[in-house]
Amino acid sequence: MTAPSGEQFEISFARQRATIVEVGGGVRSYADGERDVLDPYPLEQMCDGAHGTVLVPWPNRLGDGCYEFDGERLQLPLTEPERRNAIHGLLRWTSWRALAHERSRVVMGARLHPQPGYPFDLEVTVEYSLGEQGLIVVTSATNVGERPCPYGAGHHPYLSPGGAVLDDCELELPASTLIETDAERSLPTGRRPVAGGPIDFREPRPIGDIAIDSPFDELLRGGDGLARARLAAPDGHTVELWVDEAYPLLEVFTGDTLSPHRRRRGLGLEPMTCPPDAFRSGERLIRLEPGEAARASWGVRLSG
């Protein structure tokens, strides 16, 4: 039987192992020993909830799938029709190819050819590598067309609470600003500081029953330029995710709208180069000139 996610590319280092998939070029599973670091999805099932998916050429939502770029009005398919949005880019269901595959490293590649709504030409690679620092993911995109193009990127890992529910975990999220979104379409409506509110996780505290599906901005970074978020589970393990400065935002999703067996069983913690609706607002949108490339890195590991 062919897996719905296509060919499986295994990588390993010491006790760590990860599986990267052909369909969408994402990470299906990542474990350290017997402990899942990222919440996996089964081999025999399609990717659900965008688990581990690469989000290119935009992360999150684009209202009405409609935007203007260099004076041209463009319309994308509505892939979240109930909310009248285009969501998570154009490569989620594309067949990616392995450009390199070694014991502890695989480089996945995809070509995003010009198409209705995105008449631009991108060459995209995602490198996954395992080592002493855990799983490191580097996304690169090059404009191989003859005209400038709009670009944003993200990734959709779910941190694993090790069999527990998120209610019993503690979260540390180094972000001082919440991007508020409307309830109907999850599109940005404004910003507010997190200080003193129910979603202030700058210091570790229990998640409890709070439901979150929001982007966070103004990440607090260490001297190395990295921002680090941590999910501490009841089994004594902590999953740490870091992002470099190319990722200024993190989307947090507690999974409350997933299928019953998935709800609150993994924390969606999504690195993003731009906020939702950036193709329309232009906020932090990257303009790639012909021949120009963009690169962004994140990583995740188990501690404790």
C-alpha atoms as a PDB file:
ATOM      1  CA  MET A   1       0.000   0.000   0.000  1.00  0.00           C
ATOM      2  CA  THR A   2       1.242   3.480  -0.844  1.00  0.00           C
ATOM      3  CA  ALA A   3       1.000   5.823   2.132  1.00  0.00           C
ATOM      4  CA  PRO A   4      -1.293   8.847   1.576  1.00  0.00           C
ATOM      5  CA  SER A   5       1.717  11.031   2.410  1.00  0.00           C
ATOM      6  CA  GLY A   6       3.778   9.350  -0.315  1.00  0.00           C
ATOM      7  CA  GLU A   7       7.368   8.225   0.019  1.00  0.00           C
ATOM      8  CA  GLN A   8       8.802   8.287   3.544  1.00  0.00           C
ATOM      9  CA  PHE A   9      12.326   9.587   4.168  1.00  0.00           C
ATOM     10  CA  GLU A  10      13.800   8.397   7.462  1.00  0.00           C
ATOM     11  CA  ILE A  11      16.663  10.179   9.197  1.00  0.00           C
ATOM     12  CA  SER A  12      18.292   9.345  12.531  1.00  0.00           C
ATOM     13  CA  PHE A  13      20.946  10.438  14.997  1.00  0.00           C
ATOM     14  CA  ALA A  14      21.722   8.509  18.202  1.00  0.00           C
ATOM     15  CA  ARG A  15      18.290   7.905  19.826  1.00  0.00           C
ATOM     16  CA  GLN A  16      16.521  10.410  17.592  1.00  0.00           C
ATOM     17  CA  ARG A  17      14.553   9.547  14.472  1.00  0.00           C
ATOM     18  CA  ALA A  18      12.342  11.572  12.154  1.00  0.00           C
ATOM     19  CA  THR A  19      10.238  10.849   9.103  1.00  0.00           C
ATOM     20  CA  ILE A  20       9.897  13.409   6.309  1.00  0.00           C
ATOM     21  CA  VAL A  21       7.262  12.868   3.641  1.00  0.00           C
ATOM     22  CA  GLU A  22       6.911  13.351  -0.099  1.00  0.00           C
ATOM     23  CA  VAL A  23       3.450  14.945   0.034  1.00  0.00           C
ATOM     24  CA  GLY A  24       3.853  18.490   1.296  1.00  0.00           C
ATOM     25  CA  GLY A  25       7.533  17.990   2.159  1.00  0.00           C
ATOM     26  CA  GLY A  26       6.681  18.084   5.878  1.00  0.00           C
ATOM     27  CA  VAL A  27       7.730  16.149   8.952  1.00  0.00           C
ATOM     28  CA  ARG A  28       5.345  13.307   9.815  1.00  0.00           C
ATOM     29  CA  SER A  29       7.067  12.258  13.033  1.00  0.00           C
ATOM     30  CA  TYR A  30      10.000  13.093  15.263  1.00  0.00           C
ATOM     31  CA  ALA A  31      10.880  11.132  18.409  1.00  0.00           C
ATOM     32  CA  ASP A  32      13.761  10.926  20.867  1.00  0.00           C
ATOM     33  CA  GLY A  33      13.892   7.354  22.070  1.00  0.00           C
ATOM     34  CA  GLU A  34      10.337   6.266  22.852  1.00  0.00           C
ATOM     35  CA  ARG A  35       9.158   9.838  23.459  1.00  0.00           C
ATOM     36  CA  ASP A  36       7.495  11.817  20.668  1.00  0.00           C
ATOM     37  CA  VAL A  37       8.934  15.307  20.366  1.00  0.00           C
ATOM     38  CA  LEU A  38       6.457  16.330  17.672  1.00  0.00           C
ATOM     39  CA  ASP A  39       2.933  14.949  17.636  1.00  0.00           C
ATOM     40  CA  PRO A  40       2.865  12.516  14.674  1.00  0.00           C
ATOM     41  CA  TYR A  41       0.149  11.392  12.315  1.00  0.00           C
ATOM     42  CA  PRO A  42      -0.228   7.729  11.289  1.00  0.00           C
ATOM     43  CA  LEU A  43       1.429   6.308   8.195  1.00  0.00           C
ATOM     44  CA  GLU A  44      -1.899   5.048   6.853  1.00  0.00           C
ATOM     45  CA  GLN A  45      -3.658   8.416   7.132  1.00  0.00           C
ATOM     46  CA  MET A  46      -3.590  11.720   5.287  1.00  0.00           C
ATOM     47  CA  CYS A  47      -1.956  14.645   7.041  1.00  0.00           C
ATOM     48  CA  ASP A  48      -4.594  16.301   9.231  1.00  0.00           C
ATOM     49  CA  GLY A  49      -4.563  19.731  10.835  1.00  0.00           C
ATOM     50  CA  ALA A  50      -1.532  20.642   8.682  1.00  0.00           C
ATOM     51  CA  HIS A  51       0.649  18.484  10.956  1.00  0.00           C
ATOM     52  CA  GLY A  52       4.300  19.232  10.167  1.00  0.00           C
ATOM     53  CA  THR A  53       3.452  21.011   6.910  1.00  0.00           C
ATOM     54  CA  VAL A  54       5.567  23.560   5.009  1.00  0.00           C
ATOM     55  CA  LEU A  55       3.617  26.805   4.518  1.00  0.00           C
ATOM     56  CA  VAL A  56       4.821  28.537   1.321  1.00  0.00           C
ATOM     57  CA  PRO A  57       4.391  31.099  -0.267  1.00  0.00           C
ATOM     58  CA  TRP A  58       2.370  32.399   2.669  1.00  0.00           C
ATOM     59  CA  PRO A  59       1.574  31.083   6.144  1.00  0.00           C
ATOM     60  CA  ASN A  60      -1.807  31.285   7.865  1.00  0.00           C
ATOM     61  CA  ARG A  61      -4.802  32.945   6.204  1.00  0.00           C
ATOM     62  CA  LEU A  62      -5.420  35.288   3.287  1.00  0.00           C
ATOM     63  CA  GLY A  63      -8.870  36.853   3.380  1.00  0.00           C
ATOM     64  CA  ASP A  64     -11.009  36.164   0.278  1.00  0.00           C
ATOM     65  CA  GLY A  65      -7.866  34.761  -1.380  1.00  0.00           C
ATOM     66  CA  CYS A  66      -7.584  38.120  -3.096  1.00  0.00           C
ATOM     67  CA  TYR A  67      -4.682  40.587  -3.132  1.00  0.00           C
ATOM     68  CA  GLU A  68      -2.871  43.142  -5.259  1.00  0.00           C
ATOM     69  CA  PHE A  69       0.801  43.045  -6.159  1.00  0.00           C
ATOM     70  CA  ASP A  70       2.523  45.642  -8.310  1.00  0.00           C
ATOM     71  CA  GLY A  71      -0.850  46.953  -9.441  1.00  0.00           C
ATOM     72  CA  GLU A  72      -2.185  43.543 -10.502  1.00  0.00           C
ATOM     73  CA  ARG A  73      -5.263  42.134  -8.772  1.00  0.00           C
ATOM     74  CA  LEU A  74      -4.906  38.395  -8.165  1.00  0.00           C
ATOM     75  CA  GLN A  75      -7.359  35.738  -6.965  1.00  0.00           C
ATOM     76  CA  LEU A  76      -6.371  32.457  -5.302  1.00  0.00           C
ATOM     77  CA  PRO A  77      -8.623  29.441  -4.656  1.00  0.00           C
ATOM     78  CA  LEU A  78     -10.422  29.510  -1.299  1.00  0.00           C
ATOM     79  CA  THR A  79      -8.944  26.512   0.526  1.00  0.00           C
ATOM     80  CA  GLU A  80     -10.815  27.401   3.718  1.00  0.00           C
ATOM     81  CA  PRO A  81     -14.176  28.080   2.030  1.00  0.00           C
ATOM     82  CA  GLU A  82     -16.281  28.158   5.190  1.00  0.00           C
ATOM     83  CA  ARG A  83     -14.301  31.243   6.272  1.00  0.00           C
ATOM     84  CA  ARG A  84     -13.735  32.610   2.751  1.00  0.00           C
ATOM     85  CA  ASN A  85      -9.960  32.346   3.133  1.00  0.00           C
ATOM     86  CA  ALA A  86      -6.998  30.892   1.292  1.00  0.00           C
ATOM     87  CA  ILE A  87      -4.890  29.145   3.911  1.00  0.00           C
ATOM     88  CA  HIS A  88      -1.300  27.937   4.358  1.00  0.00           C
ATOM     89  CA  GLY A  89       0.091  28.462   0.880  1.00  0.00           C
ATOM     90  CA  LEU A  90       0.238  26.288  -2.220  1.00  0.00           C
ATOM     91  CA  LEU A  91       2.611  23.399  -1.485  1.00  0.00           C
ATOM     92  CA  ARG A  92       0.736  21.365   1.141  1.00  0.00           C
ATOM     93  CA  TRP A  93      -0.380  18.653  -1.298  1.00  0.00           C
ATOM     94  CA  THR A  94       2.466  18.904  -3.800  1.00  0.00           C
ATOM     95  CA  SER A  95       4.843  15.979  -4.373  1.00  0.00           C
ATOM     96  CA  TRP A  96       8.276  17.060  -3.171  1.00  0.00           C
ATOM     97  CA  ARG A  97      11.497  15.296  -4.143  1.00  0.00           C
ATOM     98  CA  ALA A  98      14.533  14.394  -2.066  1.00  0.00           C
ATOM     99  CA  LEU A  99      17.487  16.380  -3.422  1.00  0.00           C
ATOM    100  CA  ALA A 100      19.826  14.777  -0.884  1.00  0.00           C
ATOM    101  CA  HIS A 101      19.264  11.986   1.635  1.00  0.00           C
ATOM    102  CA  GLU A 102      21.873  10.942   4.179  1.00  0.00           C
ATOM    103  CA  ARG A 103      21.646   9.139   7.509  1.00  0.00           C
ATOM    104  CA  SER A 104      20.890  12.231   9.590  1.00  0.00           C
ATOM    105  CA  ARG A 105      19.829  14.699   6.881  1.00  0.00           C
ATOM    106  CA  VAL A 106      17.382  15.078   4.029  1.00  0.00           C
ATOM    107  CA  VAL A 107      16.829  18.029   1.701  1.00  0.00           C
ATOM    108  CA  MET A 108      13.380  18.243   0.137  1.00  0.00           C
ATOM    109  CA  GLY A 109      12.709  20.355  -2.931  1.00  0.00           C
ATOM    110  CA  ALA A 110       9.673  21.602  -4.838  1.00  0.00           C
ATOM    111  CA  ARG A 111       9.097  23.966  -7.756  1.00  0.00           C
ATOM    112  CA  LEU A 112       6.175  26.334  -7.423  1.00  0.00           C
ATOM    113  CA  HIS A 113       5.337  27.093 -11.050  1.00  0.00           C
ATOM    114  CA  PRO A 114       3.251  30.084 -12.129  1.00  0.00           C
ATOM    115  CA  GLN A 115      -0.464  29.444 -11.674  1.00  0.00           C
ATOM    116  CA  PRO A 116      -3.759  31.366 -11.415  1.00  0.00           C
ATOM    117  CA  GLY A 117      -3.566  33.659  -8.403  1.00  0.00           C
ATOM    118  CA  TYR A 118       0.209  33.275  -8.056  1.00  0.00           C
ATOM    119  CA  PRO A 119       1.819  33.815 -11.477  1.00  0.00           C
ATOM    120  CA  PHE A 120       5.345  33.638 -10.070  1.00  0.00           C
ATOM    121  CA  ASP A 121       8.102  31.048 -10.155  1.00  0.00           C
ATOM    122  CA  LEU A 122       9.769  29.784  -6.965  1.00  0.00           C
ATOM    123  CA  GLU A 123      12.310  27.072  -6.238  1.00  0.00           C
ATOM    124  CA  VAL A 124      11.855  25.910  -2.634  1.00  0.00           C
ATOM    125  CA  THR A 125      14.023  23.664  -0.478  1.00  0.00           C
ATOM    126  CA  VAL A 126      13.644  22.498   3.110  1.00  0.00           C
ATOM    127  CA  GLU A 127      16.596  20.874   4.859  1.00  0.00           C
ATOM    128  CA  TYR A 128      15.910  18.642   7.867  1.00  0.00           C
ATOM    129  CA  SER A 129      18.868  17.510   9.964  1.00  0.00           C
ATOM    130  CA  LEU A 130      19.271  15.688  13.272  1.00  0.00           C
ATOM    131  CA  GLY A 131      22.148  16.234  15.673  1.00  0.00           C
ATOM    132  CA  GLU A 132      23.119  17.045  19.243  1.00  0.00           C
ATOM    133  CA  GLN A 133      20.777  20.066  19.168  1.00  0.00           C
ATOM    134  CA  GLY A 134      17.778  18.065  17.974  1.00  0.00           C
ATOM    135  CA  LEU A 135      15.933  18.617  14.710  1.00  0.00           C
ATOM    136  CA  ILE A 136      16.932  21.697  12.693  1.00  0.00           C
ATOM    137  CA  VAL A 137      14.798  22.882   9.751  1.00  0.00           C
ATOM    138  CA  VAL A 138      16.032  25.388   7.160  1.00  0.00           C
ATOM    139  CA  THR A 139      13.629  26.693   4.515  1.00  0.00           C
ATOM    140  CA  SER A 140      14.985  28.485   1.444  1.00  0.00           C
ATOM    141  CA  ALA A 141      13.143  29.965  -1.528  1.00  0.00           C
ATOM    142  CA  THR A 142      14.597  31.490  -4.678  1.00  0.00           C
ATOM    143  CA  ASN A 143      12.717  33.562  -7.202  1.00  0.00           C
ATOM    144  CA  VAL A 144      13.612  31.852 -10.477  1.00  0.00           C
ATOM    145  CA  GLY A 145      11.139  33.894 -12.497  1.00  0.00           C
ATOM    146  CA  GLU A 146      11.547  37.105 -14.442  1.00  0.00           C
ATOM    147  CA  ARG A 147       9.466  39.366 -12.212  1.00  0.00           C
ATOM    148  CA  PRO A 148       9.362  40.220  -8.497  1.00  0.00           C
ATOM    149  CA  CYS A 149       7.096  38.071  -6.332  1.00  0.00           C
ATOM    150  CA  PRO A 150       5.439  38.281  -2.896  1.00  0.00           C
ATOM    151  CA  TYR A 151       6.681  35.704  -0.414  1.00  0.00           C
ATOM    152  CA  GLY A 152       6.156  34.496   3.114  1.00  0.00           C
ATOM    153  CA  ALA A 153       6.927  31.200   4.823  1.00  0.00           C
ATOM    154  CA  GLY A 154       5.977  29.162   7.829  1.00  0.00           C
ATOM    155  CA  HIS A 155       5.938  25.670   9.257  1.00  0.00           C
ATOM    156  CA  HIS A 156       3.264  23.825  11.246  1.00  0.00           C
ATOM    157  CA  PRO A 157       4.792  21.494  13.867  1.00  0.00           C
ATOM    158  CA  TYR A 158       2.788  20.308  16.878  1.00  0.00           C
ATOM    159  CA  LEU A 159       4.803  19.922  20.084  1.00  0.00           C
ATOM    160  CA  SER A 160       3.967  16.651  21.815  1.00  0.00           C
ATOM    161  CA  PRO A 161       2.860  16.602  25.472  1.00  0.00           C
ATOM    162  CA  GLY A 162       3.918  12.947  25.688  1.00  0.00           C
ATOM    163  CA  GLY A 163       0.447  11.405  25.822  1.00  0.00           C
ATOM    164  CA  ALA A 164      -1.011  14.037  28.135  1.00  0.00           C
ATOM    165  CA  VAL A 165      -3.471  16.779  27.245  1.00  0.00           C
ATOM    166  CA  LEU A 166      -2.349  20.372  26.988  1.00  0.00           C
ATOM    167  CA  ASP A 167      -4.435  21.299  30.028  1.00  0.00           C
ATOM    168  CA  ASP A 168      -1.858  19.497  32.192  1.00  0.00           C
ATOM    169  CA  CYS A 169       1.179  21.175  30.624  1.00  0.00           C
ATOM    170  CA  GLU A 170       3.064  24.407  31.235  1.00  0.00           C
ATOM    171  CA  LEU A 171       3.873  26.806  28.422  1.00  0.00           C
ATOM    172  CA  GLU A 172       6.650  29.373  28.170  1.00  0.00           C
ATOM    173  CA  LEU A 173       6.125  31.685  25.195  1.00  0.00           C
ATOM    174  CA  PRO A 174       8.595  34.573  24.742  1.00  0.00           C
ATOM    175  CA  ALA A 175       6.184  37.030  23.111  1.00  0.00           C
ATOM    176  CA  SER A 176       4.987  40.381  24.402  1.00  0.00           C
ATOM    177  CA  THR A 177       2.273  41.167  21.829  1.00  0.00           C
ATOM    178  CA  LEU A 178      -0.855  39.333  20.682  1.00  0.00           C
ATOM    179  CA  ILE A 179      -2.205  39.892  17.176  1.00  0.00           C
ATOM    180  CA  GLU A 180      -5.957  39.903  17.746  1.00  0.00           C
ATOM    181  CA  THR A 181      -8.140  38.133  15.174  1.00  0.00           C
ATOM    182  CA  ASP A 182     -11.876  38.042  14.569  1.00  0.00           C
ATOM    183  CA  ALA A 183     -13.887  34.995  15.599  1.00  0.00           C
ATOM    184  CA  GLU A 184     -15.531  34.498  12.198  1.00  0.00           C
ATOM    185  CA  ARG A 185     -12.503  34.381   9.911  1.00  0.00           C
ATOM    186  CA  SER A 186      -9.389  34.461  12.136  1.00  0.00           C
ATOM    187  CA  LEU A 187      -8.073  37.548  10.324  1.00  0.00           C
ATOM    188  CA  PRO A 188      -6.150  40.303  12.139  1.00  0.00           C
ATOM    189  CA  THR A 189      -8.130  43.096  13.782  1.00  0.00           C
ATOM    190  CA  GLY A 190      -5.483  44.747  15.969  1.00  0.00           C
ATOM    191  CA  ARG A 191      -2.779  44.209  18.561  1.00  0.00           C
ATOM    192  CA  ARG A 192      -2.500  44.328  22.314  1.00  0.00           C
ATOM    193  CA  PRO A 193       0.165  43.619  24.931  1.00  0.00           C
ATOM    194  CA  VAL A 194      -0.066  40.253  26.642  1.00  0.00           C
ATOM    195  CA  ALA A 195       1.168  41.651  30.000  1.00  0.00           C
ATOM    196  CA  GLY A 196      -1.016  40.577  32.889  1.00  0.00           C
ATOM    197  CA  GLY A 197      -3.624  38.891  30.696  1.00  0.00           C
ATOM    198  CA  PRO A 198      -4.731  35.261  30.316  1.00  0.00           C
ATOM    199  CA  ILE A 199      -2.370  34.650  27.416  1.00  0.00           C
ATOM    200  CA  ASP A 200       0.764  36.053  29.069  1.00  0.00           C
ATOM    201  CA  PHE A 201       3.133  33.078  28.990  1.00  0.00           C
ATOM    202  CA  ARG A 202       6.399  34.982  29.110  1.00  0.00           C
ATOM    203  CA  GLU A 203       7.018  33.129  32.359  1.00  0.00           C
ATOM    204  CA  PRO A 204       6.134  29.405  32.431  1.00  0.00           C
ATOM    205  CA  ARG A 205       2.613  28.713  33.677  1.00  0.00           C
ATOM    206  CA  PRO A 206      -0.108  26.078  33.212  1.00  0.00           C
ATOM    207  CA  ILE A 207      -2.141  26.186  30.023  1.00  0.00           C
ATOM    208  CA  GLY A 208      -5.260  24.910  31.774  1.00  0.00           C
ATOM    209  CA  ASP A 209      -8.419  24.955  29.676  1.00  0.00           C
ATOM    210  CA  ILE A 210      -7.613  28.124  27.716  1.00  0.00           C
ATOM    211  CA  ALA A 211      -8.164  27.829  23.956  1.00  0.00           C
ATOM    212  CA  ILE A 212      -5.637  29.632  21.736  1.00  0.00           C
ATOM    213  CA  ASP A 213      -5.468  30.064  17.964  1.00  0.00           C
ATOM    214  CA  SER A 214      -3.567  33.319  17.630  1.00  0.00           C
ATOM    215  CA  PRO A 215      -0.346  34.830  16.282  1.00  0.00           C
ATOM    216  CA  PHE A 216       2.149  36.367  18.712  1.00  0.00           C
ATOM    217  CA  ASP A 217       4.615  39.117  17.875  1.00  0.00           C
ATOM    218  CA  GLU A 218       7.590  40.936  19.429  1.00  0.00           C
ATOM    219  CA  LEU A 219       9.415  37.769  20.385  1.00  0.00           C
ATOM    220  CA  LEU A 220      11.955  38.075  23.175  1.00  0.00           C
ATOM    221  CA  ARG A 221      15.342  36.813  22.014  1.00  0.00           C
ATOM    222  CA  GLY A 222      18.584  35.712  23.606  1.00  0.00           C
ATOM    223  CA  GLY A 223      22.027  37.017  22.822  1.00  0.00           C
ATOM    224  CA  ASP A 224      22.256  34.494  19.972  1.00  0.00           C
ATOM    225  CA  GLY A 225      19.237  36.086  18.281  1.00  0.00           C
ATOM    226  CA  LEU A 226      17.014  33.060  18.884  1.00  0.00           C
ATOM    227  CA  ALA A 227      13.584  33.085  20.524  1.00  0.00           C
ATOM    228  CA  ARG A 228      12.743  29.919  22.486  1.00  0.00           C
ATOM    229  CA  ALA A 229       9.347  28.555  23.498  1.00  0.00           C
ATOM    230  CA  ARG A 230       8.917  25.574  25.807  1.00  0.00           C
ATOM    231  CA  LEU A 231       6.164  23.057  26.553  1.00  0.00           C
ATOM    232  CA  ALA A 232       6.685  21.239  29.871  1.00  0.00           C
ATOM    233  CA  ALA A 233       4.698  17.988  30.151  1.00  0.00           C
ATOM    234  CA  PRO A 234       3.632  15.950  33.219  1.00  0.00           C
ATOM    235  CA  ASP A 235       6.136  13.185  32.310  1.00  0.00           C
ATOM    236  CA  GLY A 236       9.011  15.489  33.289  1.00  0.00           C
ATOM    237  CA  HIS A 237      10.087  16.227  29.728  1.00  0.00           C
ATOM    238  CA  THR A 238      10.160  19.623  28.049  1.00  0.00           C
ATOM    239  CA  VAL A 239       9.940  20.239  24.313  1.00  0.00           C
ATOM    240  CA  GLU A 240      11.794  23.388  23.252  1.00  0.00           C
ATOM    241  CA  LEU A 241      11.266  25.116  19.910  1.00  0.00           C
ATOM    242  CA  TRP A 242      13.481  27.965  18.698  1.00  0.00           C
ATOM    243  CA  VAL A 243      13.246  30.342  15.758  1.00  0.00           C
ATOM    244  CA  ASP A 244      15.868  32.575  14.187  1.00  0.00           C
ATOM    245  CA  GLU A 245      15.363  36.250  13.368  1.00  0.00           C
ATOM    246  CA  ALA A 246      13.853  35.459   9.966  1.00  0.00           C
ATOM    247  CA  TYR A 247      10.814  34.245  11.904  1.00  0.00           C
ATOM    248  CA  PRO A 248       9.468  37.247  13.855  1.00  0.00           C
ATOM    249  CA  LEU A 249       6.140  35.597  14.769  1.00  0.00           C
ATOM    250  CA  LEU A 250       4.771  32.413  16.306  1.00  0.00           C
ATOM    251  CA  GLU A 251       1.219  31.153  15.852  1.00  0.00           C
ATOM    252  CA  VAL A 252      -0.070  29.197  18.860  1.00  0.00           C
ATOM    253  CA  PHE A 253      -2.862  26.650  18.314  1.00  0.00           C
ATOM    254  CA  THR A 254      -4.201  24.429  21.096  1.00  0.00           C
ATOM    255  CA  GLY A 255      -6.025  22.216  18.604  1.00  0.00           C
ATOM    256  CA  ASP A 256      -9.551  22.729  19.897  1.00  0.00           C
ATOM    257  CA  THR A 257     -11.084  22.529  16.400  1.00  0.00           C
ATOM    258  CA  LEU A 258      -9.361  19.274  15.430  1.00  0.00           C
ATOM    259  CA  SER A 259     -11.078  15.879  15.416  1.00  0.00           C
ATOM    260  CA  PRO A 260     -11.968  14.570  18.903  1.00  0.00           C
ATOM    261  CA  HIS A 261      -8.983  12.229  19.236  1.00  0.00           C
ATOM    262  CA  ARG A 262      -6.632  15.084  18.265  1.00  0.00           C
ATOM    263  CA  ARG A 263      -8.000  17.947  20.357  1.00  0.00           C
ATOM    264  CA  ARG A 264      -5.487  19.423  22.782  1.00  0.00           C
ATOM    265  CA  ARG A 265      -3.124  16.467  22.209  1.00  0.00           C
ATOM    266  CA  GLY A 266      -0.436  18.601  20.567  1.00  0.00           C
ATOM    267  CA  LEU A 267       0.476  22.276  20.658  1.00  0.00           C
ATOM    268  CA  GLY A 268       0.651  23.869  17.234  1.00  0.00           C
ATOM    269  CA  LEU A 269       3.594  26.259  17.449  1.00  0.00           C
ATOM    270  CA  GLU A 270       4.082  27.717  13.988  1.00  0.00           C
ATOM    271  CA  PRO A 271       7.094  29.841  12.972  1.00  0.00           C
ATOM    272  CA  MET A 272       5.979  32.549  10.521  1.00  0.00           C
ATOM    273  CA  THR A 273       7.883  35.178   8.551  1.00  0.00           C
ATOM    274  CA  CYS A 274       4.755  37.354   8.295  1.00  0.00           C
ATOM    275  CA  PRO A 275       1.371  37.666  10.004  1.00  0.00           C
ATOM    276  CA  PRO A 276      -1.958  36.423   8.638  1.00  0.00           C
ATOM    277  CA  ASP A 277      -3.307  38.335   5.638  1.00  0.00           C
ATOM    278  CA  ALA A 278       0.141  39.716   4.754  1.00  0.00           C
ATOM    279  CA  PHE A 279      -0.499  39.447   1.007  1.00  0.00           C
ATOM    280  CA  ARG A 280      -3.232  42.044   1.503  1.00  0.00           C
ATOM    281  CA  SER A 281      -1.735  44.181   4.276  1.00  0.00           C
ATOM    282  CA  GLY A 282       1.881  44.033   3.082  1.00  0.00           C
ATOM    283  CA  GLU A 283       3.034  43.708   6.694  1.00  0.00           C
ATOM    284  CA  ARG A 284       6.442  41.984   6.788  1.00  0.00           C
ATOM    285  CA  LEU A 285       5.754  40.632   3.319  1.00  0.00           C
ATOM    286  CA  ILE A 286       8.985  39.717   1.551  1.00  0.00           C
ATOM    287  CA  ARG A 287       9.449  41.028  -1.972  1.00  0.00           C
ATOM    288  CA  LEU A 288      11.758  38.670  -3.813  1.00  0.00           C
ATOM    289  CA  GLU A 289      13.402  40.170  -6.875  1.00  0.00           C
ATOM    290  CA  PRO A 290      14.392  37.833  -9.741  1.00  0.00           C
ATOM    291  CA  GLY A 291      17.297  35.675  -8.585  1.00  0.00           C
ATOM    292  CA  GLU A 292      16.872  36.720  -4.942  1.00  0.00           C
ATOM    293  CA  ALA A 293      16.525  34.144  -2.149  1.00  0.00           C
ATOM    294  CA  ALA A 294      15.074  34.078   1.367  1.00  0.00           C
ATOM    295  CA  ARG A 295      16.102  31.726   4.167  1.00  0.00           C
ATOM    296  CA  ALA A 296      14.665  30.992   7.616  1.00  0.00           C
ATOM    297  CA  SER A 297      15.517  28.434  10.328  1.00  0.00           C
ATOM    298  CA  TRP A 298      13.845  26.826  13.316  1.00  0.00           C
ATOM    299  CA  GLY A 299      14.568  23.836  15.481  1.00  0.00           C
ATOM    300  CA  VAL A 300      13.078  21.630  18.170  1.00  0.00           C
ATOM    301  CA  ARG A 301      14.444  19.250  20.762  1.00  0.00           C
ATOM    302  CA  LEU A 302      13.543  17.267  23.877  1.00  0.00           C
ATOM    303  CA  SER A 303      15.043  18.088  27.255  1.00  0.00           C
ATOM    304  CA  GLY A 304      14.570  16.718  30.740  1.00  0.00           C
END
